[in-house]
Amino acid sequence: MSGSDDSRPDGPAPQPALGTWEAIDSVRVVREFSPSPLEPWVVERLLHAGRRAGSSKNLQRWAFIVCRDEARLAELATLGPWAGHLAGAAVGIALVTPDPAPQDSPLSVTWDLGRAAQNMILAAWELGVGSVPATVYENDRARELLGYPADWHCEYILSFGYPADESVLAAPKRAGARKALDELVHEERW
C-alpha cells in the first residue's frame, strides 16, 4: 500500500469519469462478477476512499480486511443467507469496527462505517467496478475466518469486481424503485 490516495505502479490513476451526482444517481448493485481480478491500484483506491470518509470526532473507528483468495471468499459467502455473491467477487472487504453492542458504545460508529462503505462503492462505480454488501449473520465464524480482535465486530462485507454483464454499467433506472420525495420528506415537523 502506498501513502498516496491516487498512485499506481505505472503512474497516477485515471481521473474520475463520473461527477458526484452522476455516480450517486447511476450506481447499481452488482451481484455477478467477471473472473477478471481487480488491479492492485483499484483496490488501493477503494481503501483510500473508505479511509477518507468523515467520522465522528475524527476517531476513524474502523478497519478493513481485504480478501482476494477464492477459497476465503467462498467461506465468507456462507456467513449469511444473502452473502453468496462473495464467492464470485474479485475482492471482499470486511468492514470491522469496535463492537457497538455494549451500552456505553456510541452508535455513531455505524454512521461512520456507512459513510466509508458508500465512499468505497461510489469510488468503485466510477472505475467500472461493481459492488454489493453482504450482511454477516454468523459473527463468531466471521471472527474465526478473519482473525479480528474479540472486542471488534464485523456486520458487513463488501463484494467488488468487474460486472459479469458490462451492460449493467449503463442500465437505466428501474421505474418505481425509489420512493417519491413527498413520501419521505416533512418540512419543519412530521
Protein backbone atom coordinates (compact mmCIF):
# COMPACT_ATOMS: atom_id res chain seq x y z
CA MET A 1 0.00 0.00 0.00
CA SER A 2 1.30 3.41 -0.85
CA GLY A 3 0.64 6.53 1.15
CA SER A 4 -0.79 8.44 -1.80
CA ASP A 5 -4.51 8.40 -2.49
CA ASP A 6 -4.14 8.13 -6.25
CA SER A 7 -1.00 6.25 -7.12
CA ARG A 8 -0.43 3.08 -9.05
CA PRO A 9 2.76 1.40 -10.26
CA ASP A 10 2.64 2.86 -13.75
CA GLY A 11 1.70 6.42 -12.78
CA PRO A 12 -1.29 8.33 -11.43
CA ALA A 13 -4.70 6.72 -11.58
CA PRO A 14 -7.09 7.99 -14.23
CA GLN A 15 -9.26 10.97 -13.38
CA PRO A 16 -12.87 10.28 -12.40
CA ALA A 17 -15.20 9.51 -15.28
CA LEU A 18 -18.35 10.45 -13.35
CA GLY A 19 -19.41 13.56 -11.49
CA THR A 20 -20.67 13.16 -7.94
CA TRP A 21 -24.37 13.33 -8.78
CA GLU A 22 -23.97 11.08 -11.80
CA ALA A 23 -22.26 8.45 -9.65
CA ILE A 24 -24.94 8.66 -6.94
CA ASP A 25 -27.78 8.57 -9.46
CA SER A 26 -26.40 5.78 -11.63
CA VAL A 27 -24.84 3.31 -9.17
CA ARG A 28 -26.29 -0.19 -9.39
CA VAL A 29 -25.93 -3.26 -7.23
CA VAL A 30 -23.81 -5.91 -8.97
CA ARG A 31 -24.06 -9.48 -7.67
CA GLU A 32 -22.39 -11.36 -10.53
CA PHE A 33 -18.78 -10.66 -11.36
CA SER A 34 -16.41 -11.47 -14.19
CA PRO A 35 -13.43 -13.70 -13.34
CA SER A 36 -11.03 -10.79 -14.01
CA PRO A 37 -9.04 -9.71 -10.97
CA LEU A 38 -9.04 -6.10 -9.81
CA GLU A 39 -5.75 -4.34 -10.36
CA PRO A 40 -3.91 -3.58 -7.09
CA TRP A 41 -4.21 0.19 -7.64
CA VAL A 42 -8.00 -0.18 -7.94
CA VAL A 43 -8.22 -1.98 -4.59
CA GLU A 44 -5.96 0.64 -3.05
CA ARG A 45 -8.19 3.40 -4.44
CA LEU A 46 -11.23 1.77 -2.80
CA LEU A 47 -9.42 1.52 0.53
CA HIS A 48 -8.37 5.17 0.33
CA ALA A 49 -11.98 6.10 -0.44
CA GLY A 50 -13.10 4.35 2.76
CA ARG A 51 -10.26 5.85 4.76
CA ARG A 52 -11.16 9.35 3.57
CA ALA A 53 -14.74 9.15 4.92
CA GLY A 54 -15.61 11.57 7.66
CA SER A 55 -16.05 10.12 11.13
CA SER A 56 -17.48 11.31 14.42
CA LYS A 57 -14.81 13.32 16.27
CA ASN A 58 -12.39 12.06 13.58
CA LEU A 59 -11.96 8.84 15.57
CA GLN A 60 -11.85 6.69 12.41
CA ARG A 61 -13.06 3.64 14.33
CA TRP A 62 -12.82 1.13 11.52
CA ALA A 63 -10.52 -1.38 9.94
CA PHE A 64 -10.77 -3.01 6.52
CA ILE A 65 -9.81 -6.63 5.92
CA VAL A 66 -9.11 -7.28 2.23
CA CYS A 67 -9.77 -10.80 0.98
CA ARG A 68 -8.72 -11.90 -2.51
CA ASP A 69 -8.24 -15.64 -2.05
CA GLU A 70 -11.01 -17.60 -3.81
CA ALA A 71 -11.26 -20.20 -1.03
CA ARG A 72 -11.51 -17.49 1.64
CA LEU A 73 -14.18 -15.63 -0.38
CA ALA A 74 -16.13 -18.90 -0.73
CA GLU A 75 -16.02 -19.36 3.05
CA LEU A 76 -17.14 -15.77 3.64
CA ALA A 77 -20.06 -16.38 1.25
CA THR A 78 -21.53 -18.78 3.82
CA LEU A 79 -21.75 -16.20 6.62
CA GLY A 80 -25.26 -15.11 5.69
CA PRO A 81 -28.20 -16.23 3.57
CA TRP A 82 -27.62 -13.45 1.01
CA ALA A 83 -23.80 -13.41 1.03
CA GLY A 84 -23.32 -15.88 -1.84
CA HIS A 85 -22.03 -13.16 -4.18
CA LEU A 86 -18.78 -13.07 -2.19
CA ALA A 87 -17.80 -16.41 -3.74
CA GLY A 88 -17.65 -14.81 -7.19
CA ALA A 89 -16.13 -11.47 -6.21
CA ALA A 90 -12.61 -10.44 -7.15
CA VAL A 91 -12.22 -8.84 -3.72
CA GLY A 92 -14.18 -8.83 -0.48
CA ILE A 93 -13.58 -6.05 2.02
CA ALA A 94 -14.75 -6.76 5.55
CA LEU A 95 -15.76 -3.62 7.44
CA VAL A 96 -14.71 -4.04 11.05
CA THR A 97 -15.43 -1.69 13.97
CA PRO A 98 -15.26 -1.74 17.74
CA ASP A 99 -18.27 -3.76 18.90
CA PRO A 100 -21.22 -1.32 19.01
CA ALA A 101 -23.29 -3.59 21.30
CA PRO A 102 -22.01 -2.54 24.76
CA GLN A 103 -24.29 0.08 26.33
CA ASP A 104 -21.55 2.71 26.61
CA SER A 105 -20.61 2.41 22.92
CA PRO A 106 -21.65 5.37 20.79
CA LEU A 107 -23.76 4.32 17.82
CA SER A 108 -22.07 6.95 15.67
CA VAL A 109 -19.67 4.21 14.59
CA THR A 110 -22.46 2.73 12.46
CA TRP A 111 -22.99 6.09 10.72
CA ASP A 112 -19.26 6.43 10.15
CA LEU A 113 -18.99 2.93 8.72
CA GLY A 114 -21.88 3.58 6.34
CA ARG A 115 -20.08 6.66 5.05
CA ALA A 116 -16.87 4.68 4.50
CA ALA A 117 -18.78 1.90 2.70
CA GLN A 118 -20.61 4.33 0.41
CA ASN A 119 -17.32 6.07 -0.43
CA MET A 120 -15.87 2.71 -1.49
CA ILE A 121 -18.96 1.80 -3.51
CA LEU A 122 -19.01 5.12 -5.39
CA ALA A 123 -15.24 5.04 -5.99
CA ALA A 124 -15.62 1.55 -7.42
CA TRP A 125 -18.54 2.55 -9.63
CA GLU A 126 -16.63 5.41 -11.25
CA LEU A 127 -13.93 2.87 -12.21
CA GLY A 128 -16.44 0.43 -13.74
CA VAL A 129 -16.28 -1.88 -10.73
CA GLY A 130 -19.50 -3.29 -9.30
CA SER A 131 -20.24 -3.96 -5.66
CA VAL A 132 -22.82 -5.27 -3.23
CA PRO A 133 -22.88 -5.54 0.58
CA ALA A 134 -23.29 -8.79 2.46
CA THR A 135 -24.69 -8.82 5.97
CA VAL A 136 -22.81 -11.12 8.34
CA TYR A 137 -25.17 -13.36 10.31
CA GLU A 138 -22.54 -15.67 11.80
CA ASN A 139 -20.36 -13.26 13.74
CA ASP A 140 -18.29 -15.81 15.70
CA ARG A 141 -17.44 -17.65 12.50
CA ALA A 142 -16.57 -14.37 10.78
CA ARG A 143 -14.13 -13.65 13.61
CA GLU A 144 -12.61 -17.13 13.17
CA LEU A 145 -12.18 -16.64 9.43
CA LEU A 146 -10.92 -13.05 9.56
CA GLY A 147 -8.99 -13.06 12.85
CA TYR A 148 -10.08 -9.67 14.22
CA PRO A 149 -9.98 -9.00 17.99
CA ALA A 150 -12.77 -10.16 20.33
CA ASP A 151 -13.89 -6.60 21.12
CA TRP A 152 -14.34 -5.77 17.41
CA HIS A 153 -17.31 -6.59 15.21
CA CYS A 154 -17.96 -7.27 11.52
CA GLU A 155 -21.52 -6.67 10.37
CA TYR A 156 -20.83 -6.18 6.64
CA ILE A 157 -18.52 -7.39 3.92
CA LEU A 158 -18.48 -5.62 0.55
CA SER A 159 -18.04 -7.62 -2.67
CA PHE A 160 -16.19 -5.90 -5.51
CA GLY A 161 -15.44 -6.97 -9.07
CA TYR A 162 -15.92 -6.13 -12.70
CA PRO A 163 -19.52 -6.94 -13.67
CA ALA A 164 -20.09 -10.24 -15.48
CA ASP A 165 -22.50 -8.30 -17.68
CA GLU A 166 -20.98 -4.93 -18.53
CA SER A 167 -24.35 -3.58 -19.70
CA VAL A 168 -25.24 -3.07 -16.02
CA LEU A 169 -22.82 -0.12 -16.04
CA ALA A 170 -25.20 1.81 -18.27
CA ALA A 171 -28.50 0.19 -17.28
CA PRO A 172 -31.43 2.59 -16.94
CA LYS A 173 -33.08 3.11 -13.58
CA ARG A 174 -35.98 0.80 -12.84
CA ALA A 175 -39.34 2.55 -12.65
CA GLY A 176 -40.72 2.70 -9.13
CA ALA A 177 -37.50 1.54 -7.50
CA ARG A 178 -37.25 4.56 -5.17
CA LYS A 179 -39.94 6.22 -3.10
CA ALA A 180 -41.02 9.70 -4.16
CA LEU A 181 -39.69 12.61 -2.11
CA ASP A 182 -43.20 13.54 -0.94
CA GLU A 183 -43.39 10.12 0.75
CA LEU A 184 -40.17 10.76 2.67
CA VAL A 185 -39.78 14.47 3.34
CA HIS A 186 -41.51 16.54 6.01
CA GLU A 187 -40.92 20.28 6.38
CA GLU A 188 -40.23 21.55 9.90
CA ARG A 189 -42.28 18.76 11.57
CA TRP A 190 -43.67 15.31 10.73
